[in-house]
Amino acid sequence: MSDENVRTFVRNTLGCDCDEEVFRHIENEHGASVAGYTLRNKINVGNRLLVYIAEPGDLEKTLPELVNAGRDERDARGYNRFRLVLVSDDAALKERAFKAFKKLPAADEKIHLHVVGKAGIVGL
């Protein structure tokens, strides 16, 4: 995937208003292992924004574990934000994911959840 595809995804799909300078450094790792899960993508944007893209699996187990891992990695690396992107075309899953996310004690104001349909991650 090109850096331009990452920039477009982060800006347009995730709604991130990062400064343009942040996009000068982009790392996009496929198949990274995090908290026992294999991520579709693990993206570092400018050493400020960390993005995990994952299949939801068992939502009740996956969601808290990935949020905790992302928060810990964000903090350890000194990043500003963490965004967890779950890939699903299931509207009911999206609603369940946001309800569960709101209850997570690890979720702070610098952690964001997104549920994106499979078409939304093409090219990543």
N, C-alpha and C. Protein backbone atom coordinates (compact mmCIF):
# COMPACT_ATOMS: atom_id res chain seq x y z
N MET A 1 0.83 -1.18 0.00
CA MET A 1 0.00 0.00 0.00
C MET A 1 0.87 1.24 0.00
N SER A 2 0.47 2.20 -0.74
CA SER A 2 1.25 3.43 -0.82
C SER A 2 0.97 4.33 0.38
N ASP A 3 1.91 5.22 0.63
CA ASP A 3 1.71 6.20 1.70
C ASP A 3 0.49 7.07 1.42
N GLU A 4 0.22 7.32 0.14
CA GLU A 4 -0.94 8.13 -0.22
C GLU A 4 -2.24 7.42 0.17
N ASN A 5 -2.29 6.09 0.00
CA ASN A 5 -3.48 5.33 0.41
C ASN A 5 -3.68 5.42 1.91
N VAL A 6 -2.60 5.33 2.67
CA VAL A 6 -2.69 5.46 4.13
C VAL A 6 -3.19 6.86 4.48
N ARG A 7 -2.61 7.88 3.86
CA ARG A 7 -3.02 9.26 4.13
C ARG A 7 -4.52 9.43 3.86
N THR A 8 -4.98 8.94 2.72
CA THR A 8 -6.40 9.05 2.36
C THR A 8 -7.28 8.32 3.37
N PHE A 9 -6.88 7.11 3.74
CA PHE A 9 -7.64 6.33 4.72
C PHE A 9 -7.72 7.06 6.06
N VAL A 10 -6.58 7.52 6.55
CA VAL A 10 -6.54 8.18 7.86
C VAL A 10 -7.34 9.48 7.84
N ARG A 11 -7.19 10.24 6.80
CA ARG A 11 -7.90 11.53 6.73
C ARG A 11 -9.40 11.34 6.44
N ASN A 12 -9.72 10.59 5.39
CA ASN A 12 -11.11 10.52 4.93
C ASN A 12 -11.95 9.48 5.66
N THR A 13 -11.41 8.30 5.87
CA THR A 13 -12.19 7.24 6.51
C THR A 13 -12.22 7.41 8.02
N LEU A 14 -11.06 7.70 8.61
CA LEU A 14 -10.99 7.83 10.06
C LEU A 14 -11.25 9.25 10.55
N GLY A 15 -11.19 10.22 9.64
CA GLY A 15 -11.50 11.60 10.01
C GLY A 15 -10.41 12.29 10.81
N CYS A 16 -9.19 11.84 10.67
CA CYS A 16 -8.08 12.43 11.42
C CYS A 16 -7.63 13.73 10.76
N ASP A 17 -7.48 14.76 11.56
CA ASP A 17 -7.04 16.05 11.02
C ASP A 17 -5.58 16.34 11.38
N CYS A 18 -4.76 15.29 11.31
CA CYS A 18 -3.32 15.42 11.61
C CYS A 18 -2.70 16.46 10.67
N ASP A 19 -1.68 17.15 11.18
CA ASP A 19 -0.92 18.07 10.34
C ASP A 19 -0.28 17.29 9.21
N GLU A 20 -0.09 17.95 8.09
CA GLU A 20 0.50 17.30 6.91
C GLU A 20 1.89 16.75 7.21
N GLU A 21 2.64 17.41 8.07
CA GLU A 21 4.00 16.96 8.39
C GLU A 21 4.01 15.56 9.01
N VAL A 22 2.93 15.20 9.68
CA VAL A 22 2.84 13.88 10.31
C VAL A 22 2.91 12.77 9.27
N PHE A 23 2.41 13.05 8.07
CA PHE A 23 2.35 12.03 7.02
C PHE A 23 3.68 11.83 6.29
N ARG A 24 4.71 12.52 6.71
CA ARG A 24 6.02 12.33 6.09
C ARG A 24 6.64 11.00 6.50
N HIS A 25 6.19 10.44 7.62
CA HIS A 25 6.69 9.15 8.08
C HIS A 25 5.50 8.22 8.28
N ILE A 26 5.43 7.16 7.47
CA ILE A 26 4.34 6.19 7.57
C ILE A 26 4.94 4.79 7.53
N GLU A 27 4.53 3.97 8.49
CA GLU A 27 4.88 2.55 8.49
C GLU A 27 3.57 1.77 8.46
N ASN A 28 3.48 0.82 7.57
CA ASN A 28 2.27 -0.01 7.45
C ASN A 28 2.70 -1.47 7.47
N GLU A 29 2.50 -2.10 8.61
CA GLU A 29 2.92 -3.49 8.79
C GLU A 29 1.71 -4.41 8.65
N HIS A 30 1.85 -5.43 7.82
CA HIS A 30 0.78 -6.41 7.62
C HIS A 30 1.04 -7.62 8.50
N GLY A 31 0.00 -8.14 9.13
CA GLY A 31 0.10 -9.39 9.89
C GLY A 31 0.85 -9.29 11.20
N ALA A 32 0.93 -8.10 11.79
CA ALA A 32 1.60 -7.94 13.08
C ALA A 32 0.82 -8.70 14.15
N SER A 33 1.53 -9.27 15.09
CA SER A 33 0.90 -9.97 16.20
C SER A 33 0.83 -9.03 17.40
N VAL A 34 -0.39 -8.85 17.93
CA VAL A 34 -0.61 -7.97 19.07
C VAL A 34 -1.59 -8.65 20.01
N ALA A 35 -1.21 -8.82 21.25
CA ALA A 35 -2.07 -9.40 22.28
C ALA A 35 -2.65 -10.75 21.85
N GLY A 36 -1.87 -11.52 21.12
CA GLY A 36 -2.32 -12.83 20.68
C GLY A 36 -3.18 -12.81 19.42
N TYR A 37 -3.36 -11.65 18.82
CA TYR A 37 -4.15 -11.50 17.61
C TYR A 37 -3.25 -11.12 16.45
N THR A 38 -3.62 -11.56 15.28
CA THR A 38 -2.91 -11.13 14.08
C THR A 38 -3.71 -10.01 13.45
N LEU A 39 -3.10 -8.83 13.42
CA LEU A 39 -3.76 -7.67 12.84
C LEU A 39 -3.69 -7.72 11.33
N ARG A 40 -4.67 -7.16 10.69
CA ARG A 40 -4.61 -7.00 9.24
C ARG A 40 -3.52 -5.99 8.92
N ASN A 41 -3.55 -4.86 9.63
CA ASN A 41 -2.55 -3.81 9.46
C ASN A 41 -2.26 -3.18 10.82
N LYS A 42 -1.04 -2.77 10.98
CA LYS A 42 -0.62 -1.95 12.11
C LYS A 42 0.09 -0.76 11.48
N ILE A 43 -0.47 0.42 11.67
CA ILE A 43 0.01 1.61 10.98
C ILE A 43 0.52 2.64 11.99
N ASN A 44 1.70 3.15 11.72
CA ASN A 44 2.29 4.23 12.49
C ASN A 44 2.33 5.45 11.56
N VAL A 45 1.69 6.52 11.99
CA VAL A 45 1.69 7.74 11.19
C VAL A 45 2.46 8.81 11.98
N GLY A 46 3.65 9.11 11.49
CA GLY A 46 4.44 10.20 12.05
C GLY A 46 4.87 10.01 13.50
N ASN A 47 4.91 8.78 13.97
CA ASN A 47 5.23 8.52 15.38
C ASN A 47 4.31 9.29 16.32
N ARG A 48 3.10 9.54 15.84
CA ARG A 48 2.08 10.24 16.65
C ARG A 48 0.77 9.47 16.73
N LEU A 49 0.45 8.79 15.64
CA LEU A 49 -0.83 8.08 15.56
C LEU A 49 -0.57 6.60 15.31
N LEU A 50 -1.17 5.76 16.14
CA LEU A 50 -1.09 4.31 16.01
C LEU A 50 -2.47 3.80 15.61
N VAL A 51 -2.51 2.99 14.55
CA VAL A 51 -3.78 2.43 14.06
C VAL A 51 -3.64 0.92 13.98
N TYR A 52 -4.56 0.21 14.63
CA TYR A 52 -4.67 -1.24 14.48
C TYR A 52 -5.90 -1.50 13.62
N ILE A 53 -5.77 -2.32 12.59
CA ILE A 53 -6.90 -2.75 11.78
C ILE A 53 -7.04 -4.25 11.97
N ALA A 54 -8.22 -4.67 12.47
CA ALA A 54 -8.40 -6.08 12.85
C ALA A 54 -9.80 -6.56 12.51
N GLU A 55 -9.90 -7.87 12.30
CA GLU A 55 -11.20 -8.52 12.23
C GLU A 55 -11.72 -8.60 13.67
N PRO A 56 -13.03 -8.43 13.89
CA PRO A 56 -13.52 -8.37 15.27
C PRO A 56 -13.48 -9.69 16.03
N GLY A 57 -13.58 -10.82 15.34
CA GLY A 57 -13.57 -12.10 16.06
C GLY A 57 -14.62 -12.12 17.16
N ASP A 58 -14.26 -12.66 18.33
CA ASP A 58 -15.12 -12.68 19.50
C ASP A 58 -15.05 -11.28 20.13
N LEU A 59 -15.99 -10.44 19.77
CA LEU A 59 -15.96 -9.02 20.13
C LEU A 59 -15.74 -8.78 21.62
N GLU A 60 -16.43 -9.52 22.45
CA GLU A 60 -16.35 -9.29 23.89
C GLU A 60 -14.95 -9.55 24.43
N LYS A 61 -14.21 -10.42 23.77
CA LYS A 61 -12.83 -10.71 24.18
C LYS A 61 -11.84 -9.84 23.40
N THR A 62 -12.03 -9.74 22.10
CA THR A 62 -11.11 -9.03 21.22
C THR A 62 -11.04 -7.55 21.55
N LEU A 63 -12.16 -6.91 21.71
CA LEU A 63 -12.20 -5.46 21.88
C LEU A 63 -11.38 -5.00 23.08
N PRO A 64 -11.62 -5.50 24.29
CA PRO A 64 -10.82 -5.00 25.42
C PRO A 64 -9.34 -5.33 25.30
N GLU A 65 -9.03 -6.48 24.77
CA GLU A 65 -7.62 -6.85 24.66
C GLU A 65 -6.88 -5.98 23.66
N LEU A 66 -7.50 -5.68 22.53
CA LEU A 66 -6.85 -4.82 21.54
C LEU A 66 -6.79 -3.36 22.01
N VAL A 67 -7.81 -2.90 22.71
CA VAL A 67 -7.78 -1.54 23.26
C VAL A 67 -6.66 -1.42 24.29
N ASN A 68 -6.56 -2.39 25.18
CA ASN A 68 -5.49 -2.36 26.18
C ASN A 68 -4.11 -2.38 25.53
N ALA A 69 -3.92 -3.26 24.55
CA ALA A 69 -2.64 -3.37 23.87
C ALA A 69 -2.30 -2.08 23.12
N GLY A 70 -3.28 -1.50 22.45
CA GLY A 70 -3.06 -0.27 21.72
C GLY A 70 -2.74 0.90 22.65
N ARG A 71 -3.46 0.98 23.75
CA ARG A 71 -3.19 2.04 24.73
C ARG A 71 -1.77 1.90 25.28
N ASP A 72 -1.40 0.67 25.63
CA ASP A 72 -0.07 0.42 26.17
C ASP A 72 1.03 0.76 25.16
N GLU A 73 0.82 0.36 23.90
CA GLU A 73 1.82 0.67 22.87
C GLU A 73 1.88 2.17 22.60
N ARG A 74 0.72 2.80 22.54
CA ARG A 74 0.67 4.26 22.34
C ARG A 74 1.47 4.97 23.43
N ASP A 75 1.23 4.59 24.67
CA ASP A 75 1.90 5.24 25.78
C ASP A 75 3.40 4.93 25.81
N ALA A 76 3.76 3.68 25.55
CA ALA A 76 5.18 3.28 25.58
C ALA A 76 5.98 3.99 24.51
N ARG A 77 5.35 4.25 23.37
CA ARG A 77 6.06 4.88 22.26
C ARG A 77 5.89 6.40 22.22
N GLY A 78 5.11 6.93 23.12
CA GLY A 78 4.91 8.37 23.18
C GLY A 78 4.05 8.93 22.07
N TYR A 79 3.16 8.12 21.51
CA TYR A 79 2.26 8.59 20.46
C TYR A 79 1.12 9.40 21.10
N ASN A 80 0.47 10.21 20.28
CA ASN A 80 -0.63 11.04 20.76
C ASN A 80 -1.97 10.30 20.80
N ARG A 81 -2.20 9.46 19.79
CA ARG A 81 -3.52 8.83 19.65
C ARG A 81 -3.39 7.38 19.21
N PHE A 82 -4.45 6.63 19.55
CA PHE A 82 -4.59 5.25 19.09
C PHE A 82 -5.99 5.10 18.51
N ARG A 83 -6.06 4.50 17.33
CA ARG A 83 -7.35 4.22 16.70
C ARG A 83 -7.43 2.74 16.38
N LEU A 84 -8.47 2.11 16.88
CA LEU A 84 -8.73 0.71 16.59
C LEU A 84 -9.81 0.65 15.53
N VAL A 85 -9.49 -0.02 14.43
CA VAL A 85 -10.43 -0.16 13.32
C VAL A 85 -10.84 -1.63 13.23
N LEU A 86 -12.11 -1.90 13.44
CA LEU A 86 -12.64 -3.24 13.25
C LEU A 86 -13.26 -3.31 11.86
N VAL A 87 -12.94 -4.36 11.14
CA VAL A 87 -13.42 -4.53 9.77
C VAL A 87 -14.63 -5.44 9.78
N SER A 88 -15.78 -4.88 9.43
CA SER A 88 -17.01 -5.67 9.39
C SER A 88 -18.07 -4.94 8.60
N ASP A 89 -18.86 -5.71 7.87
CA ASP A 89 -20.01 -5.16 7.15
C ASP A 89 -21.30 -5.38 7.93
N ASP A 90 -21.20 -5.88 9.14
CA ASP A 90 -22.35 -6.22 9.99
C ASP A 90 -22.77 -5.00 10.81
N ALA A 91 -23.92 -4.42 10.47
CA ALA A 91 -24.40 -3.23 11.17
C ALA A 91 -24.67 -3.51 12.65
N ALA A 92 -25.15 -4.69 12.97
CA ALA A 92 -25.41 -5.04 14.37
C ALA A 92 -24.10 -5.11 15.16
N LEU A 93 -23.05 -5.60 14.54
CA LEU A 93 -21.77 -5.66 15.21
C LEU A 93 -21.28 -4.25 15.51
N LYS A 94 -21.47 -3.35 14.58
CA LYS A 94 -21.03 -1.97 14.79
C LYS A 94 -21.68 -1.39 16.04
N GLU A 95 -22.97 -1.57 16.17
CA GLU A 95 -23.69 -1.05 17.34
C GLU A 95 -23.18 -1.71 18.63
N ARG A 96 -23.01 -3.01 18.62
CA ARG A 96 -22.49 -3.73 19.80
C ARG A 96 -21.08 -3.26 20.15
N ALA A 97 -20.25 -3.06 19.14
CA ALA A 97 -18.87 -2.65 19.38
C ALA A 97 -18.82 -1.30 20.07
N PHE A 98 -19.61 -0.34 19.63
CA PHE A 98 -19.57 0.99 20.25
C PHE A 98 -20.14 0.97 21.67
N LYS A 99 -21.17 0.17 21.91
CA LYS A 99 -21.70 0.05 23.27
C LYS A 99 -20.65 -0.55 24.20
N ALA A 100 -19.98 -1.61 23.74
CA ALA A 100 -18.94 -2.26 24.56
C ALA A 100 -17.75 -1.32 24.76
N PHE A 101 -17.39 -0.58 23.74
CA PHE A 101 -16.25 0.33 23.82
C PHE A 101 -16.47 1.40 24.90
N LYS A 102 -17.67 1.93 24.97
CA LYS A 102 -17.99 2.98 25.95
C LYS A 102 -17.82 2.49 27.38
N LYS A 103 -17.91 1.19 27.60
CA LYS A 103 -17.81 0.62 28.95
C LYS A 103 -16.39 0.25 29.35
N LEU A 104 -15.45 0.35 28.42
CA LEU A 104 -14.08 -0.09 28.70
C LEU A 104 -13.34 0.94 29.56
N PRO A 105 -12.81 0.51 30.70
CA PRO A 105 -12.06 1.45 31.54
C PRO A 105 -10.76 1.93 30.89
N ALA A 106 -10.20 1.14 29.98
CA ALA A 106 -8.94 1.51 29.33
C ALA A 106 -9.13 2.58 28.26
N ALA A 107 -10.35 2.77 27.81
CA ALA A 107 -10.61 3.72 26.73
C ALA A 107 -10.59 5.15 27.29
N ASP A 108 -9.65 5.95 26.80
CA ASP A 108 -9.58 7.34 27.22
C ASP A 108 -9.89 8.24 26.02
N GLU A 109 -9.77 9.53 26.20
CA GLU A 109 -10.13 10.48 25.14
C GLU A 109 -9.19 10.44 23.95
N LYS A 110 -8.08 9.72 24.07
CA LYS A 110 -7.13 9.62 22.96
C LYS A 110 -7.18 8.26 22.28
N ILE A 111 -8.24 7.52 22.56
CA ILE A 111 -8.48 6.23 21.91
C ILE A 111 -9.81 6.32 21.18
N HIS A 112 -9.79 5.93 19.92
CA HIS A 112 -11.01 6.00 19.11
C HIS A 112 -11.27 4.64 18.47
N LEU A 113 -12.54 4.29 18.40
CA LEU A 113 -12.97 3.05 17.75
C LEU A 113 -13.66 3.41 16.44
N HIS A 114 -13.34 2.63 15.41
CA HIS A 114 -14.00 2.76 14.11
C HIS A 114 -14.41 1.37 13.67
N VAL A 115 -15.56 1.26 13.06
CA VAL A 115 -15.97 0.02 12.41
C VAL A 115 -16.16 0.38 10.95
N VAL A 116 -15.34 -0.27 10.12
CA VAL A 116 -15.28 0.05 8.70
C VAL A 116 -15.63 -1.18 7.89
N GLY A 117 -16.46 -1.00 6.89
CA GLY A 117 -16.79 -2.11 6.00
C GLY A 117 -15.57 -2.55 5.20
N LYS A 118 -15.64 -3.76 4.71
CA LYS A 118 -14.50 -4.32 3.98
C LYS A 118 -14.10 -3.46 2.79
N ALA A 119 -15.05 -2.83 2.14
CA ALA A 119 -14.73 -1.97 0.99
C ALA A 119 -13.91 -0.76 1.41
N GLY A 120 -14.03 -0.36 2.67
CA GLY A 120 -13.33 0.83 3.16
C GLY A 120 -11.85 0.63 3.42
N ILE A 121 -11.39 -0.62 3.36
CA ILE A 121 -9.97 -0.86 3.62
C ILE A 121 -9.24 -1.41 2.39
N VAL A 122 -9.91 -1.42 1.26
CA VAL A 122 -9.28 -1.88 0.04
C VAL A 122 -8.08 -1.00 -0.27
N GLY A 123 -6.98 -1.60 -0.59
CA GLY A 123 -5.77 -0.85 -0.89
C GLY A 123 -4.84 -0.68 0.28
N LEU A 124 -5.30 -1.11 1.45
CA LEU A 124 -4.43 -1.03 2.62
C LEU A 124 -3.68 -2.33 2.67
